[in-house]
PDB file of all heavy atoms in Angstrom:
ATOM      1  N   ASN A   1       0.761  -1.195  -0.023  1.00  0.00           N
ATOM      2  CA  ASN A   1       0.008  -0.019  -0.014  1.00  0.00           C
ATOM      3  C   ASN A   1       0.892   1.219  -0.046  1.00  0.00           C
ATOM      4  O   ASN A   1       0.408   2.286  -0.426  1.00  0.00           O
ATOM      5  CB  ASN A   1      -0.932  -0.058   1.218  1.00  0.00           C
ATOM      6  CG  ASN A   1      -1.988  -1.122   1.126  1.00  0.00           C
ATOM      7  OD1 ASN A   1      -2.366  -1.528   0.064  1.00  0.00           O
ATOM      8  ND2 ASN A   1      -2.424  -1.569   2.242  1.00  0.00           N
ATOM      9  N   GLN A   2       2.126   1.151   0.533  1.00  0.00           N
ATOM     10  CA  GLN A   2       2.956   2.316   0.543  1.00  0.00           C
ATOM     11  C   GLN A   2       3.888   2.369  -0.731  1.00  0.00           C
ATOM     12  O   GLN A   2       4.674   3.205  -0.756  1.00  0.00           O
ATOM     13  CB  GLN A   2       3.893   2.262   1.783  1.00  0.00           C
ATOM     14  CG  GLN A   2       3.163   2.403   3.158  1.00  0.00           C
ATOM     15  CD  GLN A   2       4.020   2.176   4.269  1.00  0.00           C
ATOM     16  OE1 GLN A   2       5.214   1.699   4.180  1.00  0.00           O
ATOM     17  NE2 GLN A   2       3.509   2.428   5.517  1.00  0.00           N
ATOM     18  N   GLY A   3       3.604   1.396  -1.729  1.00  0.00           N
ATOM     19  CA  GLY A   3       4.331   1.438  -2.939  1.00  0.00           C
ATOM     20  C   GLY A   3       5.764   0.735  -2.905  1.00  0.00           C
ATOM     21  O   GLY A   3       6.499   0.771  -3.762  1.00  0.00           O
ATOM     22  N   GLN A   4       6.004   0.099  -1.728  1.00  0.00           N
ATOM     23  CA  GLN A   4       7.253  -0.657  -1.549  1.00  0.00           C
ATOM     24  C   GLN A   4       7.167  -2.067  -1.958  1.00  0.00           C
ATOM     25  O   GLN A   4       7.174  -2.956  -1.061  1.00  0.00           O
ATOM     26  CB  GLN A   4       7.771  -0.472  -0.193  1.00  0.00           C
ATOM     27  CG  GLN A   4       7.987   0.985   0.225  1.00  0.00           C
ATOM     28  CD  GLN A   4       8.677   1.184   1.677  1.00  0.00           C
ATOM     29  OE1 GLN A   4       9.753   0.641   1.879  1.00  0.00           O
ATOM     30  NE2 GLN A   4       7.972   1.781   2.647  1.00  0.00           N
ATOM     31  N   VAL A   5       6.876  -2.333  -3.212  1.00  0.00           N
ATOM     32  CA  VAL A   5       6.577  -3.691  -3.693  1.00  0.00           C
ATOM     33  C   VAL A   5       7.660  -4.666  -3.398  1.00  0.00           C
ATOM     34  O   VAL A   5       7.467  -5.777  -3.000  1.00  0.00           O
ATOM     35  CB  VAL A   5       6.048  -3.642  -5.155  1.00  0.00           C
ATOM     36  CG1 VAL A   5       5.679  -5.071  -5.601  1.00  0.00           C
ATOM     37  CG2 VAL A   5       4.879  -2.779  -5.319  1.00  0.00           C
ATOM     38  N   GLU A   6       8.880  -4.235  -3.779  1.00  0.00           N
ATOM     39  CA  GLU A   6      10.040  -5.096  -3.740  1.00  0.00           C
ATOM     40  C   GLU A   6      10.282  -5.526  -2.381  1.00  0.00           C
ATOM     41  O   GLU A   6      10.608  -6.725  -2.020  1.00  0.00           O
ATOM     42  CB  GLU A   6      11.337  -4.375  -4.276  1.00  0.00           C
ATOM     43  CG  GLU A   6      11.377  -4.175  -5.754  1.00  0.00           C
ATOM     44  CD  GLU A   6      11.362  -5.574  -6.432  1.00  0.00           C
ATOM     45  OE1 GLU A   6      11.989  -6.496  -5.966  1.00  0.00           O
ATOM     46  OE2 GLU A   6      10.695  -5.670  -7.556  1.00  0.00           O
ATOM     47  N   LEU A   7      10.200  -4.599  -1.385  1.00  0.00           N
ATOM     48  CA  LEU A   7      10.420  -4.996   0.055  1.00  0.00           C
ATOM     49  C   LEU A   7       9.233  -5.952   0.531  1.00  0.00           C
ATOM     50  O   LEU A   7       9.545  -6.817   1.311  1.00  0.00           O
ATOM     51  CB  LEU A   7      10.377  -3.698   0.948  1.00  0.00           C
ATOM     52  CG  LEU A   7      10.804  -3.762   2.368  1.00  0.00           C
ATOM     53  CD1 LEU A   7      12.162  -4.473   2.460  1.00  0.00           C
ATOM     54  CD2 LEU A   7      10.861  -2.455   3.048  1.00  0.00           C
ATOM     55  N   ALA A   8       8.072  -5.687   0.029  1.00  0.00           N
ATOM     56  CA  ALA A   8       6.971  -6.595   0.376  1.00  0.00           C
ATOM     57  C   ALA A   8       7.202  -8.008  -0.129  1.00  0.00           C
ATOM     58  O   ALA A   8       6.948  -9.018   0.531  1.00  0.00           O
ATOM     59  CB  ALA A   8       5.699  -6.059  -0.147  1.00  0.00           C
ATOM     60  N   LEU A   9       7.793  -8.075  -1.354  1.00  0.00           N
ATOM     61  CA  LEU A   9       8.143  -9.379  -1.908  1.00  0.00           C
ATOM     62  C   LEU A   9       9.218 -10.023  -1.172  1.00  0.00           C
ATOM     63  O   LEU A   9       9.218 -11.243  -0.868  1.00  0.00           O
ATOM     64  CB  LEU A   9       8.502  -9.289  -3.313  1.00  0.00           C
ATOM     65  CG  LEU A   9       7.441  -8.937  -4.395  1.00  0.00           C
ATOM     66  CD1 LEU A   9       8.077  -8.695  -5.754  1.00  0.00           C
ATOM     67  CD2 LEU A   9       6.449 -10.063  -4.472  1.00  0.00           C
ATOM     68  N   ALA A  10      10.115  -9.315  -0.506  1.00  0.00           N
ATOM     69  CA  ALA A  10      11.221  -9.819   0.254  1.00  0.00           C
ATOM     70  C   ALA A  10      10.690 -10.414   1.580  1.00  0.00           C
ATOM     71  O   ALA A  10      11.122 -11.547   2.011  1.00  0.00           O
ATOM     72  CB  ALA A  10      12.262  -8.796   0.513  1.00  0.00           C
ATOM     73  N   VAL A  11       9.602  -9.712   2.091  1.00  0.00           N
ATOM     74  CA  VAL A  11       9.044 -10.193   3.355  1.00  0.00           C
ATOM     75  C   VAL A  11       8.358 -11.523   3.074  1.00  0.00           C
ATOM     76  O   VAL A  11       8.439 -12.485   3.849  1.00  0.00           O
ATOM     77  CB  VAL A  11       8.034  -9.197   3.878  1.00  0.00           C
ATOM     78  CG1 VAL A  11       7.267  -9.664   4.989  1.00  0.00           C
ATOM     79  CG2 VAL A  11       8.778  -7.944   4.466  1.00  0.00           C
ATOM     80  N   ARG A  12       7.572 -11.541   1.980  1.00  0.00           N
ATOM     81  CA  ARG A  12       6.929 -12.826   1.630  1.00  0.00           C
ATOM     82  C   ARG A  12       7.852 -13.963   1.349  1.00  0.00           C
ATOM     83  O   ARG A  12       7.546 -15.154   1.647  1.00  0.00           O
ATOM     84  CB  ARG A  12       5.999 -12.508   0.472  1.00  0.00           C
ATOM     85  CG  ARG A  12       4.869 -11.543   0.655  1.00  0.00           C
ATOM     86  CD  ARG A  12       3.723 -11.607  -0.400  1.00  0.00           C
ATOM     87  NE  ARG A  12       2.823 -10.380  -0.229  1.00  0.00           N
ATOM     88  CZ  ARG A  12       1.849 -10.326   0.571  1.00  0.00           C
ATOM     89  NH1 ARG A  12       1.695 -11.312   1.468  1.00  0.00           N
ATOM     90  NH2 ARG A  12       1.107  -9.289   0.692  1.00  0.00           N
ATOM     91  N   ARG A  13       8.880 -13.680   0.730  1.00  0.00           N
ATOM     92  CA  ARG A  13      10.010 -14.702   0.402  1.00  0.00           C
ATOM     93  C   ARG A  13      10.547 -15.215   1.735  1.00  0.00           C
ATOM     94  O   ARG A  13      10.738 -16.448   2.004  1.00  0.00           O
ATOM     95  CB  ARG A  13      11.125 -14.251  -0.418  1.00  0.00           C
ATOM     96  CG  ARG A  13      10.772 -14.110  -1.888  1.00  0.00           C
ATOM     97  CD  ARG A  13      11.986 -13.979  -2.770  1.00  0.00           C
ATOM     98  NE  ARG A  13      12.666 -12.715  -2.439  1.00  0.00           N
ATOM     99  CZ  ARG A  13      12.476 -11.587  -3.052  1.00  0.00           C
ATOM    100  NH1 ARG A  13      11.555 -11.414  -3.993  1.00  0.00           N
ATOM    101  NH2 ARG A  13      13.131 -10.474  -2.692  1.00  0.00           N
ATOM    102  N   PHE A  14      10.795 -14.363   2.700  1.00  0.00           N
ATOM    103  CA  PHE A  14      11.196 -14.669   4.103  1.00  0.00           C
ATOM    104  C   PHE A  14      10.279 -15.634   4.723  1.00  0.00           C
ATOM    105  O   PHE A  14      10.603 -16.649   5.273  1.00  0.00           O
ATOM    106  CB  PHE A  14      11.425 -13.442   4.928  1.00  0.00           C
ATOM    107  CG  PHE A  14      11.698 -13.766   6.383  1.00  0.00           C
ATOM    108  CD1 PHE A  14      12.889 -14.189   6.793  1.00  0.00           C
ATOM    109  CD2 PHE A  14      10.668 -13.446   7.377  1.00  0.00           C
ATOM    110  CE1 PHE A  14      13.090 -14.445   8.177  1.00  0.00           C
ATOM    111  CE2 PHE A  14      10.823 -13.774   8.604  1.00  0.00           C
ATOM    112  CZ  PHE A  14      12.059 -14.225   9.038  1.00  0.00           C
ATOM    113  N   VAL A  15       8.985 -15.253   4.712  1.00  0.00           N
ATOM    114  CA  VAL A  15       7.983 -16.090   5.264  1.00  0.00           C
ATOM    115  C   VAL A  15       7.860 -17.518   4.606  1.00  0.00           C
ATOM    116  O   VAL A  15       7.839 -18.579   5.343  1.00  0.00           O
ATOM    117  CB  VAL A  15       6.649 -15.430   5.284  1.00  0.00           C
ATOM    118  CG1 VAL A  15       5.488 -16.389   5.709  1.00  0.00           C
ATOM    119  CG2 VAL A  15       6.630 -14.187   6.064  1.00  0.00           C
ATOM    120  N   GLY A  16       8.047 -17.434   3.238  1.00  0.00           N
ATOM    121  CA  GLY A  16       7.980 -18.788   2.513  1.00  0.00           C
ATOM    122  C   GLY A  16       9.125 -19.693   2.849  1.00  0.00           C
ATOM    123  O   GLY A  16       8.958 -20.913   2.718  1.00  0.00           O
ATOM    124  N   ARG A  17      10.221 -19.108   3.249  1.00  0.00           N
ATOM    125  CA  ARG A  17      11.426 -19.866   3.565  1.00  0.00           C
ATOM    126  C   ARG A  17      11.645 -20.420   5.049  1.00  0.00           C
ATOM    127  O   ARG A  17      12.421 -21.085   5.374  1.00  0.00           O
ATOM    128  CB  ARG A  17      12.751 -19.183   3.195  1.00  0.00           C
ATOM    129  CG  ARG A  17      13.075 -18.919   1.749  1.00  0.00           C
ATOM    130  CD  ARG A  17      14.452 -18.584   1.436  1.00  0.00           C
ATOM    131  NE  ARG A  17      14.755 -17.237   2.060  1.00  0.00           N
ATOM    132  CZ  ARG A  17      14.590 -16.115   1.432  1.00  0.00           C
ATOM    133  NH1 ARG A  17      14.237 -16.114   0.151  1.00  0.00           N
ATOM    134  NH2 ARG A  17      14.852 -14.927   2.034  1.00  0.00           N
ATOM    135  N   MET A  18      10.582 -19.951   5.857  1.00  0.00           N
ATOM    136  CA  MET A  18      10.584 -20.332   7.229  1.00  0.00           C
ATOM    137  C   MET A  18      10.459 -21.963   7.301  1.00  0.00           C
ATOM    138  O   MET A  18       9.613 -22.517   6.640  1.00  0.00           O
ATOM    139  CB  MET A  18       9.340 -19.718   8.002  1.00  0.00           C
ATOM    140  CG  MET A  18       9.568 -18.332   8.387  1.00  0.00           C
ATOM    141  SD  MET A  18       8.134 -17.761   9.340  1.00  0.00           S
ATOM    142  CE  MET A  18       8.595 -16.049   9.715  1.00  0.00           C
ATOM    143  N   PRO A  19      11.378 -22.457   8.083  1.00  0.00           N
ATOM    144  CA  PRO A  19      11.168 -23.950   8.268  1.00  0.00           C
ATOM    145  C   PRO A  19       9.908 -24.320   9.118  1.00  0.00           C
ATOM    146  O   PRO A  19       9.404 -23.452   9.888  1.00  0.00           O
ATOM    147  CB  PRO A  19      12.449 -24.382   9.015  1.00  0.00           C
ATOM    148  CG  PRO A  19      12.768 -23.060   9.781  1.00  0.00           C
ATOM    149  CD  PRO A  19      12.461 -22.032   8.913  1.00  0.00           C
ATOM    150  N   PRO A  20       9.294 -25.407   8.894  1.00  0.00           N
ATOM    151  CA  PRO A  20       8.112 -25.666   9.654  1.00  0.00           C
ATOM    152  C   PRO A  20       8.331 -25.771  11.110  1.00  0.00           C
ATOM    153  O   PRO A  20       9.427 -26.202  11.539  1.00  0.00           O
ATOM    154  CB  PRO A  20       7.658 -27.018   9.165  1.00  0.00           C
ATOM    155  CG  PRO A  20       8.906 -27.637   8.513  1.00  0.00           C
ATOM    156  CD  PRO A  20       9.722 -26.484   8.036  1.00  0.00           C
ATOM    157  N   PRO A  21       7.364 -25.393  11.976  1.00  0.00           N
ATOM    158  CA  PRO A  21       7.688 -25.408  13.399  1.00  0.00           C
ATOM    159  C   PRO A  21       7.657 -26.887  13.882  1.00  0.00           C
ATOM    160  O   PRO A  21       6.817 -27.707  13.466  1.00  0.00           O
ATOM    161  CB  PRO A  21       6.411 -24.704  13.953  1.00  0.00           C
ATOM    162  CG  PRO A  21       5.378 -24.821  13.005  1.00  0.00           C
ATOM    163  CD  PRO A  21       6.125 -24.832  11.574  1.00  0.00           C
ATOM    164  N   SER A  22       8.655 -27.219  14.611  1.00  0.00           N
ATOM    165  CA  SER A  22       8.898 -28.651  15.098  1.00  0.00           C
ATOM    166  C   SER A  22       9.075 -28.617  16.562  1.00  0.00           C
ATOM    167  O   SER A  22       9.736 -27.856  17.218  1.00  0.00           O
ATOM    168  CB  SER A  22      10.189 -29.219  14.373  1.00  0.00           C
ATOM    169  OG  SER A  22       9.956 -29.199  12.983  1.00  0.00           O
ATOM    170  N   SER A  23       8.512 -29.663  17.185  1.00  0.00           N
ATOM    171  CA  SER A  23       8.710 -29.892  18.575  1.00  0.00           C
ATOM    172  C   SER A  23      10.117 -30.586  18.704  1.00  0.00           C
ATOM    173  O   SER A  23      10.732 -31.001  17.691  1.00  0.00           O
ATOM    174  CB  SER A  23       7.716 -30.891  19.120  1.00  0.00           C
ATOM    175  OG  SER A  23       7.836 -32.248  18.561  1.00  0.00           O
ATOM    176  N   GLU A  24      10.674 -30.680  19.886  1.00  0.00           N
ATOM    177  CA  GLU A  24      12.000 -31.267  20.043  1.00  0.00           C
ATOM    178  C   GLU A  24      12.078 -32.691  19.556  1.00  0.00           C
ATOM    179  O   GLU A  24      13.018 -33.082  18.861  1.00  0.00           O
ATOM    180  CB  GLU A  24      12.330 -31.189  21.570  1.00  0.00           C
ATOM    181  CG  GLU A  24      13.835 -31.778  21.763  1.00  0.00           C
ATOM    182  CD  GLU A  24      14.189 -31.680  23.266  1.00  0.00           C
ATOM    183  OE1 GLU A  24      13.544 -32.588  23.967  1.00  0.00           O
ATOM    184  OE2 GLU A  24      14.942 -30.932  23.648  1.00  0.00           O
ATOM    185  N   LYS A  25      11.032 -33.501  19.821  1.00  0.00           N
ATOM    186  CA  LYS A  25      10.963 -34.856  19.387  1.00  0.00           C
ATOM    187  C   LYS A  25      10.935 -34.969  17.899  1.00  0.00           C
ATOM    188  O   LYS A  25      11.718 -35.766  17.233  1.00  0.00           O
ATOM    189  CB  LYS A  25       9.792 -35.592  19.876  1.00  0.00           C
ATOM    190  CG  LYS A  25       9.883 -35.867  21.468  1.00  0.00           C
ATOM    191  CD  LYS A  25       8.613 -36.419  22.000  1.00  0.00           C
ATOM    192  CE  LYS A  25       8.195 -37.703  21.477  1.00  0.00           C
ATOM    193  NZ  LYS A  25       7.038 -38.211  22.056  1.00  0.00           N
ATOM    194  N   GLU A  26      10.278 -34.020  17.201  1.00  0.00           N
ATOM    195  CA  GLU A  26      10.231 -34.073  15.675  1.00  0.00           C
ATOM    196  C   GLU A  26      11.486 -33.611  15.096  1.00  0.00           C
ATOM    197  O   GLU A  26      12.004 -34.244  14.136  1.00  0.00           O
ATOM    198  CB  GLU A  26       9.117 -33.133  15.275  1.00  0.00           C
ATOM    199  CG  GLU A  26       7.724 -33.579  15.505  1.00  0.00           C
ATOM    200  CD  GLU A  26       6.639 -32.558  15.248  1.00  0.00           C
ATOM    201  OE1 GLU A  26       6.984 -31.382  15.286  1.00  0.00           O
ATOM    202  OE2 GLU A  26       5.592 -33.011  14.874  1.00  0.00           O
ATOM    203  N   TRP A  27      12.183 -32.717  15.818  1.00  0.00           N
ATOM    204  CA  TRP A  27      13.467 -32.148  15.340  1.00  0.00           C
ATOM    205  C   TRP A  27      14.502 -33.329  15.473  1.00  0.00           C
ATOM    206  O   TRP A  27      15.255 -33.547  14.569  1.00  0.00           O
ATOM    207  CB  TRP A  27      13.909 -30.983  16.099  1.00  0.00           C
ATOM    208  CG  TRP A  27      15.194 -30.355  15.720  1.00  0.00           C
ATOM    209  CD1 TRP A  27      15.502 -29.535  14.733  1.00  0.00           C
ATOM    210  CD2 TRP A  27      16.436 -30.644  16.416  1.00  0.00           C
ATOM    211  NE1 TRP A  27      16.845 -29.250  14.716  1.00  0.00           N
ATOM    212  CE2 TRP A  27      17.394 -29.799  15.715  1.00  0.00           C
ATOM    213  CE3 TRP A  27      16.900 -31.375  17.507  1.00  0.00           C
ATOM    214  CZ2 TRP A  27      18.819 -29.866  16.179  1.00  0.00           C
ATOM    215  CZ3 TRP A  27      18.146 -31.329  17.942  1.00  0.00           C
ATOM    216  CH2 TRP A  27      19.146 -30.595  17.203  1.00  0.00           C
ATOM    217  N   LEU A  28      14.490 -34.061  16.510  1.00  0.00           N
ATOM    218  CA  LEU A  28      15.389 -35.013  16.748  1.00  0.00           C
ATOM    219  C   LEU A  28      15.147 -36.183  15.813  1.00  0.00           C
ATOM    220  O   LEU A  28      16.058 -36.840  15.308  1.00  0.00           O
ATOM    221  CB  LEU A  28      15.399 -35.581  18.237  1.00  0.00           C
ATOM    222  CG  LEU A  28      15.970 -34.778  19.267  1.00  0.00           C
ATOM    223  CD1 LEU A  28      15.602 -35.227  20.693  1.00  0.00           C
ATOM    224  CD2 LEU A  28      17.440 -34.783  19.103  1.00  0.00           C
ATOM    225  N   ALA A  29      13.865 -36.524  15.492  1.00  0.00           N
ATOM    226  CA  ALA A  29      13.485 -37.603  14.632  1.00  0.00           C
ATOM    227  C   ALA A  29      14.029 -37.302  13.254  1.00  0.00           C
ATOM    228  O   ALA A  29      14.602 -38.133  12.550  1.00  0.00           O
ATOM    229  CB  ALA A  29      11.935 -37.791  14.606  1.00  0.00           C
ATOM    230  N   GLU A  30      13.950 -36.075  12.834  1.00  0.00           N
ATOM    231  CA  GLU A  30      14.436 -35.673  11.497  1.00  0.00           C
ATOM    232  C   GLU A  30      16.037 -35.820  11.512  1.00  0.00           C
ATOM    233  O   GLU A  30      16.565 -36.357  10.403  1.00  0.00           O
ATOM    234  CB  GLU A  30      14.082 -34.176  11.149  1.00  0.00           C
ATOM    235  CG  GLU A  30      14.589 -33.739   9.807  1.00  0.00           C
ATOM    236  CD  GLU A  30      14.070 -34.609   8.622  1.00  0.00           C
ATOM    237  OE1 GLU A  30      12.991 -35.188   8.808  1.00  0.00           O
ATOM    238  OE2 GLU A  30      14.719 -34.797   7.588  1.00  0.00           O
ATOM    239  N   ARG A  31      16.617 -35.473  12.521  1.00  0.00           N
ATOM    240  CA  ARG A  31      18.148 -35.675  12.544  1.00  0.00           C
ATOM    241  C   ARG A  31      18.448 -37.071  12.510  1.00  0.00           C
ATOM    242  O   ARG A  31      19.446 -37.529  11.843  1.00  0.00           O
ATOM    243  CB  ARG A  31      18.629 -35.033  13.794  1.00  0.00           C
ATOM    244  CG  ARG A  31      18.456 -33.561  14.092  1.00  0.00           C
ATOM    245  CD  ARG A  31      19.238 -32.634  13.197  1.00  0.00           C
ATOM    246  NE  ARG A  31      18.694 -32.520  11.913  1.00  0.00           N
ATOM    247  CZ  ARG A  31      17.493 -31.753  11.751  1.00  0.00           C
ATOM    248  NH1 ARG A  31      16.901 -31.127  12.753  1.00  0.00           N
ATOM    249  NH2 ARG A  31      17.049 -31.498  10.544  1.00  0.00           N
ATOM    250  N   LEU A  32      17.779 -37.935  13.315  1.00  0.00           N
ATOM    251  CA  LEU A  32      18.086 -39.426  13.200  1.00  0.00           C
ATOM    252  C   LEU A  32      17.800 -39.986  11.834  1.00  0.00           C
ATOM    253  O   LEU A  32      18.580 -40.763  11.326  1.00  0.00           O
ATOM    254  CB  LEU A  32      17.255 -40.024  14.290  1.00  0.00           C
ATOM    255  CG  LEU A  32      17.573 -39.958  15.802  1.00  0.00           C
ATOM    256  CD1 LEU A  32      16.613 -40.507  16.656  1.00  0.00           C
ATOM    257  CD2 LEU A  32      18.994 -40.376  16.029  1.00  0.00           C
ATOM    258  N   LEU A  33      16.718 -39.633  11.199  1.00  0.00           N
ATOM    259  CA  LEU A  33      16.335 -40.113   9.880  1.00  0.00           C
ATOM    260  C   LEU A  33      17.398 -39.643   8.897  1.00  0.00           C
ATOM    261  O   LEU A  33      17.750 -40.432   8.026  1.00  0.00           O
ATOM    262  CB  LEU A  33      14.970 -39.708   9.442  1.00  0.00           C
ATOM    263  CG  LEU A  33      13.779 -40.365  10.358  1.00  0.00           C
ATOM    264  CD1 LEU A  33      12.456 -39.700   9.899  1.00  0.00           C
ATOM    265  CD2 LEU A  33      13.752 -41.730  10.076  1.00  0.00           C
ATOM    266  N   GLU A  34      17.860 -38.375   8.970  1.00  0.00           N
ATOM    267  CA  GLU A  34      18.822 -37.898   8.003  1.00  0.00           C
ATOM    268  C   GLU A  34      20.130 -38.648   8.241  1.00  0.00           C
ATOM    269  O   GLU A  34      20.781 -39.035   7.257  1.00  0.00           O
ATOM    270  CB  GLU A  34      18.983 -36.417   8.236  1.00  0.00           C
ATOM    271  CG  GLU A  34      20.131 -35.837   7.375  1.00  0.00           C
ATOM    272  CD  GLU A  34      19.795 -36.003   5.884  1.00  0.00           C
ATOM    273  OE1 GLU A  34      18.687 -36.043   5.480  1.00  0.00           O
ATOM    274  OE2 GLU A  34      20.867 -36.174   5.111  1.00  0.00           O
ATOM    275  N   ARG A  35      20.466 -38.953   9.418  1.00  0.00           N
ATOM    276  CA  ARG A  35      21.703 -39.756   9.665  1.00  0.00           C
ATOM    277  C   ARG A  35      21.637 -41.117   9.071  1.00  0.00           C
ATOM    278  O   ARG A  35      22.540 -41.602   8.543  1.00  0.00           O
ATOM    279  CB  ARG A  35      21.947 -39.765  11.268  1.00  0.00           C
ATOM    280  CG  ARG A  35      23.351 -40.419  11.625  1.00  0.00           C
ATOM    281  CD  ARG A  35      23.487 -40.479  13.072  1.00  0.00           C
ATOM    282  NE  ARG A  35      23.526 -39.180  13.609  1.00  0.00           N
ATOM    283  CZ  ARG A  35      23.590 -38.830  14.909  1.00  0.00           C
ATOM    284  NH1 ARG A  35      23.628 -39.844  15.764  1.00  0.00           N
ATOM    285  NH2 ARG A  35      23.521 -37.627  15.333  1.00  0.00           N
ATOM    286  N   THR A  36      20.459 -41.659   9.213  1.00  0.00           N
ATOM    287  CA  THR A  36      20.154 -43.094   8.684  1.00  0.00           C
ATOM    288  C   THR A  36      20.291 -42.926   7.066  1.00  0.00           C
ATOM    289  O   THR A  36      20.870 -43.900   6.509  1.00  0.00           O
ATOM    290  CB  THR A  36      18.828 -43.622   9.080  1.00  0.00           C
ATOM    291  OG1 THR A  36      18.723 -43.713  10.513  1.00  0.00           O
ATOM    292  CG2 THR A  36      18.556 -44.983   8.551  1.00  0.00           C
ATOM    293  N   ARG A  37      19.631 -41.978   6.497  1.00  0.00           N
ATOM    294  CA  ARG A  37      19.740 -41.904   5.097  1.00  0.00           C
ATOM    295  C   ARG A  37      21.230 -41.600   4.602  1.00  0.00           C
ATOM    296  O   ARG A  37      21.560 -42.162   3.559  1.00  0.00           O
ATOM    297  CB  ARG A  37      18.798 -40.741   4.681  1.00  0.00           C
ATOM    298  CG  ARG A  37      17.387 -40.919   4.740  1.00  0.00           C
ATOM    299  CD  ARG A  37      16.523 -39.904   4.017  1.00  0.00           C
ATOM    300  NE  ARG A  37      16.537 -38.607   4.752  1.00  0.00           N
ATOM    301  CZ  ARG A  37      15.665 -38.213   5.555  1.00  0.00           C
ATOM    302  NH1 ARG A  37      14.662 -39.001   5.911  1.00  0.00           N
ATOM    303  NH2 ARG A  37      15.859 -36.986   6.248  1.00  0.00           N
ATOM    304  N   SER A  38      21.898 -40.820   5.334  1.00  0.00           N
ATOM    305  CA  SER A  38      23.283 -40.621   5.015  1.00  0.00           C
ATOM    306  C   SER A  38      24.106 -41.849   5.002  1.00  0.00           C
ATOM    307  O   SER A  38      24.995 -42.150   4.141  1.00  0.00           O
ATOM    308  CB  SER A  38      23.875 -39.545   5.862  1.00  0.00           C
ATOM    309  OG  SER A  38      25.259 -39.254   5.639  1.00  0.00           O
ATOM    310  N   ARG A  39      23.931 -42.625   6.143  1.00  0.00           N
ATOM    311  CA  ARG A  39      24.697 -43.927   6.155  1.00  0.00           C
ATOM    312  C   ARG A  39      24.308 -44.935   5.066  1.00  0.00           C
ATOM    313  O   ARG A  39      25.159 -45.551   4.501  1.00  0.00           O
ATOM    314  CB  ARG A  39      24.430 -44.628   7.573  1.00  0.00           C
ATOM    315  CG  ARG A  39      25.097 -43.704   8.729  1.00  0.00           C
ATOM    316  CD  ARG A  39      24.677 -44.477  10.067  1.00  0.00           C
ATOM    317  NE  ARG A  39      25.372 -43.736  11.180  1.00  0.00           N
ATOM    318  CZ  ARG A  39      25.091 -43.948  12.423  1.00  0.00           C
ATOM    319  NH1 ARG A  39      24.208 -44.888  12.829  1.00  0.00           N
ATOM    320  NH2 ARG A  39      25.702 -43.316  13.524  1.00  0.00           N
ATOM    321  N   THR A  40      22.957 -44.867   4.748  1.00  0.00           N
ATOM    322  CA  THR A  40      22.539 -45.781   3.601  1.00  0.00           C
ATOM    323  C   THR A  40      23.202 -45.255   2.269  1.00  0.00           C
ATOM    324  O   THR A  40      23.721 -46.193   1.554  1.00  0.00           O
ATOM    325  CB  THR A  40      21.012 -45.652   3.451  1.00  0.00           C
ATOM    326  OG1 THR A  40      20.411 -46.077   4.813  1.00  0.00           O
ATOM    327  CG2 THR A  40      20.689 -46.597   2.363  1.00  0.00           C
ATOM    328  N   ARG A  41      23.270 -44.036   2.018  1.00  0.00           N
ATOM    329  CA  ARG A  41      23.977 -43.582   0.786  1.00  0.00           C
ATOM    330  C   ARG A  41      25.441 -43.933   0.784  1.00  0.00           C
ATOM    331  O   ARG A  41      25.918 -44.300  -0.271  1.00  0.00           O
ATOM    332  CB  ARG A  41      23.831 -42.030   0.748  1.00  0.00           C
ATOM    333  CG  ARG A  41      22.370 -41.564   0.337  1.00  0.00           C
ATOM    334  CD  ARG A  41      22.537 -40.103  -0.098  1.00  0.00           C
ATOM    335  NE  ARG A  41      22.877 -39.280   0.947  1.00  0.00           N
ATOM    336  CZ  ARG A  41      22.136 -38.681   1.805  1.00  0.00           C
ATOM    337  NH1 ARG A  41      20.782 -38.890   1.797  1.00  0.00           N
ATOM    338  NH2 ARG A  41      22.620 -37.848   2.806  1.00  0.00           N
ATOM    339  N   VAL A  42      26.110 -43.824   1.842  1.00  0.00           N
ATOM    340  CA  VAL A  42      27.515 -44.105   2.032  1.00  0.00           C
ATOM    341  C   VAL A  42      27.704 -45.584   1.745  1.00  0.00           C
ATOM    342  O   VAL A  42      28.677 -45.984   1.016  1.00  0.00           O
ATOM    343  CB  VAL A  42      28.129 -43.610   3.342  1.00  0.00           C
ATOM    344  CG1 VAL A  42      29.520 -44.217   3.552  1.00  0.00           C
ATOM    345  CG2 VAL A  42      28.171 -42.183   3.514  1.00  0.00           C
TER     346      VAL A  42
END
């Protein structure tokens, strides 16, 4: 509304890149699964 379209787009990109909110257990689960996937690839 103030005519600052580029800055508004930057704000929306920032929001779009926010990682999903995770509880501690979900965060640990993702780390464990990623470690398992990495070992499988190796």
